[in-house]
Amino acid sequence: MHPLIISDVFKRNIYFLNKRFEIADSVKCSGPTVDIDFSNNRMLACNIGVLNPNNGKYGKGQFIRVNSLGKMAEDTTALFDKLRRPVQIVSADLNNDGKEDYIVCEFGNLIGALSWMENLGNNKFTRHVLRAAPGAIKAYVNDYNHDGAPDLWVLFAQGEEGIFLFTNKGHGNFDTKEVLRFPSVYGSSYFELDDFNHDGHPDIVYTCGDNADYSPVLKPYHGVYIFLNDGSNNFQQKYFFPIDGCYKAIARDYDGDGDLDIAAISFFADYEHQPQESFVYLENNGNFDFQPYSFPDASQGRWLTMDAGDIDGDGRIDLVLGNFSLGSNPGKPNMNWAKGPPFIVLKNTGKQLK
């Protein structure tokens, strides 16, 4: 597998890069690919259809395979289609029948849903709606009660914002619990399940900062939050670090000292006064004391996405930041983001990210 895969949503290309960050292969896609699910040595691309807000059913799930010439190619026939602006597709056998089902976050706009596609075999699927609301943006499969049935944790944005736990009761049935609720102006953007206090129960790292809608002003409540789990999936806020327009935070032990640090990006940073907050590294000093750092080139791009992994195989977790160069430029209208790099790699050299 290639160490780095980049999607250009405007050119509708997926690029497969080698360790020298040279393009080793590429795939021309039928639409913008915003996520890829890797399972059973296959790549299922989430084709959002139309990137800008809409209520149309233009999205698809399509496999990317190696063709007879040894090149990557997109399947001409979608696994399933007519999705409302999907942003994530996750594979899991939800009903324990031995066939791979799929959870689909149909973000939509005014209309959307969290659904799961029941695999009937022979590429036939039945769609089951778990929550008929727009804004499903991130889902995790996690058997939290250890009963052998995959459960789902899902973040909804787009007005009625919150994190929901869908407990699998078997035979495709789920109970729903809203574990966290946020005001509609928060602009929820991402969450993760991480155990910060090592009690064996998943805590939540949450970011809010989507500032593209009706109130595009800097908001003091945008940033990174940590909510601790009391062991019964009741959550209490433990930590907050303000970052204007925060879009994602990834908690990992970046410095190898046994606790979780946090890397965060902002898509709507205060570019005029604090451009360095477009990337913030929060080093964990213990007892929820985090020291913030950034780097001078953080303002080279407008970071919409970020991922973490050991790219160079040295055992340390590196970071990749992806630049979304088009769109409005709040706070710095003369900045030409397209002059910046399409992505940057932050190589972890030890104690600090360089």
Protein backbone atom coordinates (compact mmCIF):
# COMPACT_ATOMS: atom_id res chain seq x y z
CA MET A 1 0.00 0.00 0.00
CA HIS A 2 1.20 3.50 -0.76
CA PRO A 3 2.20 5.50 2.33
CA LEU A 4 0.21 8.58 1.27
CA ILE A 5 -3.02 8.94 -0.68
CA ILE A 6 -4.26 12.42 -1.66
CA SER A 7 -7.62 13.37 -3.17
CA ASP A 8 -7.97 16.50 -5.31
CA VAL A 9 -11.70 17.17 -5.20
CA PHE A 10 -11.60 19.78 -7.98
CA LYS A 11 -9.61 17.73 -10.48
CA ARG A 12 -11.52 14.65 -9.25
CA ASN A 13 -8.27 12.70 -9.02
CA ILE A 14 -6.88 10.42 -6.33
CA TYR A 15 -3.07 10.34 -6.18
CA PHE A 16 -1.04 7.49 -4.73
CA LEU A 17 2.36 8.74 -3.54
CA ASN A 18 5.52 6.78 -2.74
CA LYS A 19 7.90 7.43 0.17
CA ARG A 20 9.56 10.25 -1.78
CA PHE A 21 6.11 11.85 -2.22
CA GLU A 22 6.21 11.21 -5.96
CA ILE A 23 3.01 10.22 -7.76
CA ALA A 24 3.21 6.46 -8.32
CA ASP A 25 -0.36 6.05 -9.59
CA SER A 26 -3.57 8.02 -9.93
CA VAL A 27 -7.28 7.47 -10.48
CA LYS A 28 -9.67 9.72 -12.35
CA CYS A 29 -12.96 9.65 -10.44
CA SER A 30 -16.50 10.41 -11.55
CA GLY A 31 -16.92 12.88 -8.68
CA PRO A 32 -15.14 14.40 -5.68
CA THR A 33 -13.81 11.69 -3.35
CA VAL A 34 -13.92 12.89 0.27
CA ASP A 35 -13.24 9.63 2.15
CA ILE A 36 -11.98 6.09 1.53
CA ASP A 37 -12.86 3.00 3.57
CA PHE A 38 -10.08 0.39 3.65
CA SER A 39 -11.28 -3.14 4.42
CA ASN A 40 -10.48 -6.63 3.14
CA ASN A 41 -7.69 -5.18 0.97
CA ARG A 42 -10.25 -3.06 -0.89
CA MET A 43 -10.79 0.68 -1.20
CA LEU A 44 -14.34 1.98 -1.16
CA ALA A 45 -14.39 5.64 -2.22
CA CYS A 46 -17.05 7.99 -0.87
CA ASN A 47 -18.06 10.17 -3.83
CA ILE A 48 -19.88 13.22 -2.44
CA GLY A 49 -21.38 13.96 -5.86
CA VAL A 50 -21.62 17.76 -5.62
CA LEU A 51 -19.29 19.40 -3.11
CA ASN A 52 -21.27 22.59 -2.45
CA PRO A 53 -24.37 22.47 -0.20
CA ASN A 54 -27.33 20.80 -1.89
CA ASN A 55 -30.14 18.35 -1.21
CA GLY A 56 -29.66 16.26 -4.34
CA LYS A 57 -29.02 12.52 -4.48
CA TYR A 58 -25.76 12.65 -6.42
CA GLY A 59 -23.43 10.74 -4.09
CA LYS A 60 -22.07 7.22 -4.55
CA GLY A 61 -19.98 4.50 -3.03
CA GLN A 62 -17.53 3.12 -5.60
CA PHE A 63 -14.69 0.63 -5.32
CA ILE A 64 -11.21 1.44 -6.56
CA ARG A 65 -9.43 -1.66 -7.81
CA VAL A 66 -6.29 -2.69 -9.69
CA ASN A 67 -7.17 -3.29 -13.34
CA SER A 68 -5.69 -5.84 -15.75
CA LEU A 69 -2.82 -3.46 -16.57
CA GLY A 70 -1.84 -3.17 -12.92
CA LYS A 71 -3.21 0.38 -12.65
CA MET A 72 -5.69 1.70 -10.11
CA ALA A 73 -9.14 2.33 -11.59
CA GLU A 74 -12.59 3.22 -10.35
CA ASP A 75 -15.40 0.72 -10.84
CA THR A 76 -17.73 1.95 -13.56
CA THR A 77 -20.73 0.66 -11.61
CA ALA A 78 -21.36 2.10 -8.16
CA LEU A 79 -21.81 -0.24 -5.21
CA PHE A 80 -24.74 2.00 -4.28
CA ASP A 81 -25.77 5.47 -5.38
CA LYS A 82 -28.42 8.19 -5.00
CA LEU A 83 -26.91 9.33 -1.70
CA ARG A 84 -27.47 12.83 -0.31
CA ARG A 85 -24.02 14.42 -0.17
CA PRO A 86 -22.27 11.56 1.66
CA VAL A 87 -19.08 12.43 3.58
CA GLN A 88 -18.15 9.04 5.06
CA ILE A 89 -18.83 5.36 4.36
CA VAL A 90 -17.75 2.76 6.95
CA SER A 91 -17.86 -1.02 6.52
CA ALA A 92 -19.01 -3.40 9.28
CA ASP A 93 -21.10 -6.55 9.61
CA LEU A 94 -23.88 -4.95 11.65
CA ASN A 95 -26.27 -7.91 11.75
CA ASN A 96 -23.65 -10.68 12.10
CA ASP A 97 -24.73 -12.52 8.97
CA GLY A 98 -21.19 -12.78 7.60
CA LYS A 99 -21.71 -10.12 4.93
CA GLU A 100 -20.17 -6.64 4.90
CA ASP A 101 -22.70 -3.88 5.53
CA TYR A 102 -22.01 -0.16 5.27
CA ILE A 103 -22.74 2.86 7.47
CA VAL A 104 -23.32 6.01 5.41
CA CYS A 105 -23.10 9.57 6.73
CA GLU A 106 -25.33 11.52 4.34
CA PHE A 107 -24.54 15.05 5.44
CA GLY A 108 -26.89 16.54 2.87
CA ASN A 109 -27.87 20.12 3.51
CA LEU A 110 -31.45 20.68 4.67
CA ILE A 111 -32.13 16.98 4.09
CA GLY A 112 -29.79 14.16 5.11
CA ALA A 113 -29.57 11.00 7.19
CA LEU A 114 -27.47 8.43 8.97
CA SER A 115 -28.17 5.15 7.24
CA TRP A 116 -26.85 1.65 7.01
CA MET A 117 -26.86 -0.45 3.88
CA GLU A 118 -27.77 -4.05 4.63
CA ASN A 119 -25.86 -6.40 2.36
CA LEU A 120 -28.30 -8.91 0.82
CA GLY A 121 -25.61 -10.50 -1.34
CA ASN A 122 -24.95 -10.23 -5.08
CA ASN A 123 -24.39 -6.47 -4.76
CA LYS A 124 -27.93 -5.90 -3.52
CA PHE A 125 -28.54 -3.61 -0.53
CA THR A 126 -31.45 -2.46 1.60
CA ARG A 127 -31.18 1.00 3.13
CA HIS A 128 -32.13 1.43 6.80
CA VAL A 129 -32.35 4.97 8.21
CA LEU A 130 -31.05 5.27 11.78
CA ARG A 131 -31.62 9.02 12.06
CA ALA A 132 -33.39 11.12 9.44
CA ALA A 133 -31.60 14.42 9.93
CA PRO A 134 -28.90 16.32 7.99
CA GLY A 135 -25.37 16.78 9.24
CA ALA A 136 -24.07 13.25 9.87
CA ILE A 137 -20.36 13.98 9.56
CA LYS A 138 -18.33 11.31 11.41
CA ALA A 139 -19.07 7.74 12.56
CA TYR A 140 -17.10 5.12 14.50
CA VAL A 141 -17.86 1.43 14.88
CA ASN A 142 -17.17 0.48 18.50
CA ASP A 143 -18.59 -2.46 20.48
CA TYR A 144 -18.60 -0.46 23.71
CA ASN A 145 -20.64 -3.02 25.74
CA HIS A 146 -18.63 -6.02 24.46
CA ASP A 147 -21.68 -8.06 23.44
CA GLY A 148 -20.29 -8.92 20.01
CA ALA A 149 -22.67 -6.59 18.15
CA PRO A 150 -21.05 -3.49 16.57
CA ASP A 151 -22.34 -0.21 18.02
CA LEU A 152 -22.05 3.25 16.43
CA TRP A 153 -20.91 6.64 17.71
CA VAL A 154 -21.89 9.44 15.36
CA LEU A 155 -21.46 13.23 15.27
CA PHE A 156 -24.22 15.35 13.73
CA ALA A 157 -23.67 18.97 12.72
CA GLN A 158 -25.90 21.22 10.62
CA GLY A 159 -28.30 22.74 13.11
CA GLU A 160 -29.36 19.98 15.50
CA GLU A 161 -25.86 19.21 16.68
CA GLY A 162 -24.73 16.43 18.97
CA ILE A 163 -22.98 13.09 19.44
CA PHE A 164 -25.22 10.04 19.38
CA LEU A 165 -24.63 6.47 20.54
CA PHE A 166 -26.49 3.81 18.56
CA THR A 167 -26.50 0.56 20.56
CA ASN A 168 -26.87 -2.55 18.43
CA LYS A 169 -29.68 -4.74 19.81
CA GLY A 170 -29.24 -7.40 17.14
CA HIS A 171 -31.04 -8.20 13.89
CA GLY A 172 -30.36 -4.70 12.59
CA ASN A 173 -32.13 -2.90 15.44
CA PHE A 174 -30.54 -0.03 17.36
CA ASP A 175 -31.32 1.99 20.48
CA THR A 176 -30.39 5.68 20.29
CA LYS A 177 -28.91 7.88 23.03
CA GLU A 178 -27.78 11.48 22.60
CA VAL A 179 -24.67 11.58 24.77
CA LEU A 180 -23.72 15.21 24.05
CA ARG A 181 -25.72 18.09 22.63
CA PHE A 182 -24.35 21.39 21.32
CA PRO A 183 -25.96 24.72 20.39
CA SER A 184 -26.80 25.03 16.70
CA VAL A 185 -24.30 27.90 16.27
CA TYR A 186 -21.31 25.79 17.35
CA GLY A 187 -20.50 24.46 13.89
CA SER A 188 -19.51 20.94 14.97
CA SER A 189 -16.70 19.64 12.78
CA TYR A 190 -15.10 16.45 14.19
CA PHE A 191 -14.77 14.06 17.12
CA GLU A 192 -12.72 11.10 18.27
CA LEU A 193 -12.98 8.39 20.90
CA ASP A 194 -9.85 8.40 23.09
CA ASP A 195 -9.12 7.20 26.63
CA PHE A 196 -7.39 10.14 28.33
CA ASN A 197 -7.57 8.91 31.94
CA HIS A 198 -6.80 5.24 31.18
CA ASP A 199 -9.97 3.91 32.82
CA GLY A 200 -10.93 1.71 29.88
CA HIS A 201 -13.89 3.86 28.84
CA PRO A 202 -13.89 5.99 25.68
CA ASP A 203 -13.62 9.72 26.27
CA ILE A 204 -14.43 12.24 23.55
CA VAL A 205 -12.27 14.80 21.78
CA TYR A 206 -14.57 17.22 19.97
CA THR A 207 -14.00 20.23 17.73
CA CYS A 208 -16.29 22.98 16.54
CA GLY A 209 -15.46 25.74 14.12
CA ASP A 210 -17.56 25.56 10.94
CA ASN A 211 -18.00 29.28 10.32
CA ALA A 212 -19.37 29.27 6.77
CA ASP A 213 -23.06 29.76 7.38
CA TYR A 214 -25.17 32.56 8.83
CA SER A 215 -22.86 34.11 11.42
CA PRO A 216 -19.31 34.22 10.00
CA VAL A 217 -17.72 36.04 12.92
CA LEU A 218 -15.03 34.80 15.28
CA LYS A 219 -16.56 32.82 18.14
CA PRO A 220 -14.95 32.36 21.57
CA TYR A 221 -16.38 28.86 21.99
CA HIS A 222 -14.72 27.46 18.86
CA GLY A 223 -11.87 25.09 19.61
CA VAL A 224 -10.90 21.71 21.07
CA TYR A 225 -12.89 20.06 23.87
CA ILE A 226 -12.29 16.94 25.96
CA PHE A 227 -15.29 15.23 27.58
CA LEU A 228 -14.62 12.48 30.13
CA ASN A 229 -16.73 9.32 30.33
CA ASP A 230 -18.02 8.40 33.81
CA GLY A 231 -18.11 4.73 32.82
CA SER A 232 -21.80 4.75 31.92
CA ASN A 233 -21.44 6.89 28.78
CA ASN A 234 -22.33 10.10 30.56
CA PHE A 235 -19.85 12.80 29.61
CA GLN A 236 -18.55 15.86 31.44
CA GLN A 237 -16.38 18.58 29.92
CA LYS A 238 -12.85 18.46 31.32
CA TYR A 239 -10.83 20.65 28.97
CA PHE A 240 -11.22 23.40 26.38
CA PHE A 241 -8.64 25.16 24.23
CA PRO A 242 -9.93 28.04 22.07
CA ILE A 243 -9.07 27.94 18.37
CA ASP A 244 -11.02 30.13 15.96
CA GLY A 245 -12.68 28.02 13.29
CA CYS A 246 -11.28 24.69 14.54
CA TYR A 247 -11.98 21.87 12.10
CA LYS A 248 -10.24 18.74 13.36
CA ALA A 249 -8.18 17.40 16.26
CA ILE A 250 -6.28 14.11 16.37
CA ALA A 251 -5.16 12.77 19.75
CA ARG A 252 -2.07 10.54 19.67
CA ASP A 253 1.05 10.02 21.80
CA TYR A 254 3.19 12.05 19.42
CA ASP A 255 6.17 12.47 21.76
CA GLY A 256 6.20 8.89 23.08
CA ASP A 257 5.84 9.75 26.77
CA GLY A 258 2.77 7.58 27.40
CA ASP A 259 0.00 10.19 27.31
CA LEU A 260 -2.17 11.65 24.56
CA ASP A 261 -1.16 14.88 22.86
CA ILE A 262 -3.43 16.69 20.39
CA ALA A 263 -2.82 18.10 16.91
CA ALA A 264 -5.50 20.51 15.66
CA ILE A 265 -6.22 22.49 12.50
CA SER A 266 -8.44 25.46 11.75
CA PHE A 267 -10.22 26.26 8.49
CA PHE A 268 -11.58 29.58 9.72
CA ALA A 269 -8.63 30.84 11.76
CA ASP A 270 -8.15 34.48 12.73
CA TYR A 271 -5.73 34.91 9.83
CA GLU A 272 -5.28 38.64 10.48
CA HIS A 273 -4.33 38.50 14.15
CA GLN A 274 -3.44 34.84 14.89
CA PRO A 275 -2.58 33.03 11.65
CA GLN A 276 -0.54 30.49 13.63
CA GLU A 277 -3.76 28.96 15.02
CA SER A 278 -4.37 27.36 11.63
CA PHE A 279 -2.28 24.53 13.13
CA VAL A 280 -1.84 23.99 16.86
CA TYR A 281 0.03 21.18 18.61
CA LEU A 282 -1.05 20.66 22.22
CA GLU A 283 1.63 18.80 24.19
CA ASN A 284 0.24 16.93 27.19
CA ASN A 285 2.13 17.80 30.38
CA GLY A 286 -0.20 15.74 32.57
CA ASN A 287 -3.36 16.51 34.55
CA PHE A 288 -4.97 18.07 31.44
CA ASP A 289 -2.31 20.72 31.20
CA PHE A 290 -1.55 21.16 27.50
CA GLN A 291 1.18 23.42 26.13
CA PRO A 292 0.34 24.91 22.69
CA TYR A 293 2.85 25.14 19.84
CA SER A 294 2.66 26.06 16.16
CA PHE A 295 5.19 26.55 13.35
CA PRO A 296 5.97 29.48 11.03
CA ASP A 297 4.65 27.88 7.83
CA ALA A 298 1.25 27.07 9.34
CA SER A 299 -0.24 29.98 7.39
CA GLN A 300 0.89 28.65 3.98
CA GLY A 301 -2.41 26.88 3.43
CA ARG A 302 -6.00 26.80 4.55
CA TRP A 303 -6.17 23.42 6.23
CA LEU A 304 -9.48 21.64 5.75
CA THR A 305 -8.27 18.16 6.55
CA MET A 306 -5.53 16.35 8.45
CA ASP A 307 -4.45 12.78 9.03
CA ALA A 308 -1.92 11.03 11.25
CA GLY A 309 0.27 7.99 10.66
CA ASP A 310 3.84 6.72 10.46
CA ILE A 311 4.57 7.76 6.89
CA ASP A 312 8.31 7.07 6.84
CA GLY A 313 8.31 3.89 8.93
CA ASP A 314 10.47 5.21 11.77
CA GLY A 315 7.96 4.30 14.49
CA ARG A 316 6.85 7.88 15.13
CA ILE A 317 3.49 9.40 14.18
CA ASP A 318 3.68 12.00 11.42
CA LEU A 319 0.98 14.39 10.21
CA VAL A 320 -0.36 15.44 6.82
CA LEU A 321 -2.32 18.69 6.36
CA GLY A 322 -4.52 19.19 3.30
CA ASN A 323 -5.05 22.64 1.76
CA PHE A 324 -8.51 23.67 0.51
CA SER A 325 -7.43 26.67 -1.54
CA LEU A 326 -10.74 27.97 -2.88
CA GLY A 327 -13.65 29.71 -1.23
CA SER A 328 -14.05 32.78 0.92
CA ASN A 329 -11.08 34.17 2.82
CA PRO A 330 -12.46 35.45 6.11
CA GLY A 331 -10.22 37.88 7.95
CA LYS A 332 -7.62 37.97 5.17
CA PRO A 333 -9.36 38.59 1.83
CA ASN A 334 -6.11 39.20 -0.08
CA MET A 335 -4.59 35.81 0.76
CA ASN A 336 -4.23 33.56 -2.29
CA TRP A 337 -4.33 30.08 -0.78
CA ALA A 338 -3.80 28.49 -4.20
CA LYS A 339 -0.18 29.68 -4.10
CA GLY A 340 0.40 27.42 -1.13
CA PRO A 341 1.20 23.71 -1.33
CA PRO A 342 -1.66 21.23 -1.87
CA PHE A 343 -0.51 19.46 1.29
CA ILE A 344 2.35 19.50 3.76
CA VAL A 345 3.89 16.67 5.78
CA LEU A 346 4.95 17.29 9.36
CA LYS A 347 7.69 14.76 10.09
CA ASN A 348 7.91 13.70 13.70
CA THR A 349 11.58 13.85 14.60
CA GLY A 350 11.20 13.08 18.28
CA LYS A 351 10.14 15.43 21.03
CA GLN A 352 8.79 18.14 18.75
CA LEU A 353 7.11 18.22 15.34
CA LYS A 354 9.24 19.91 12.68
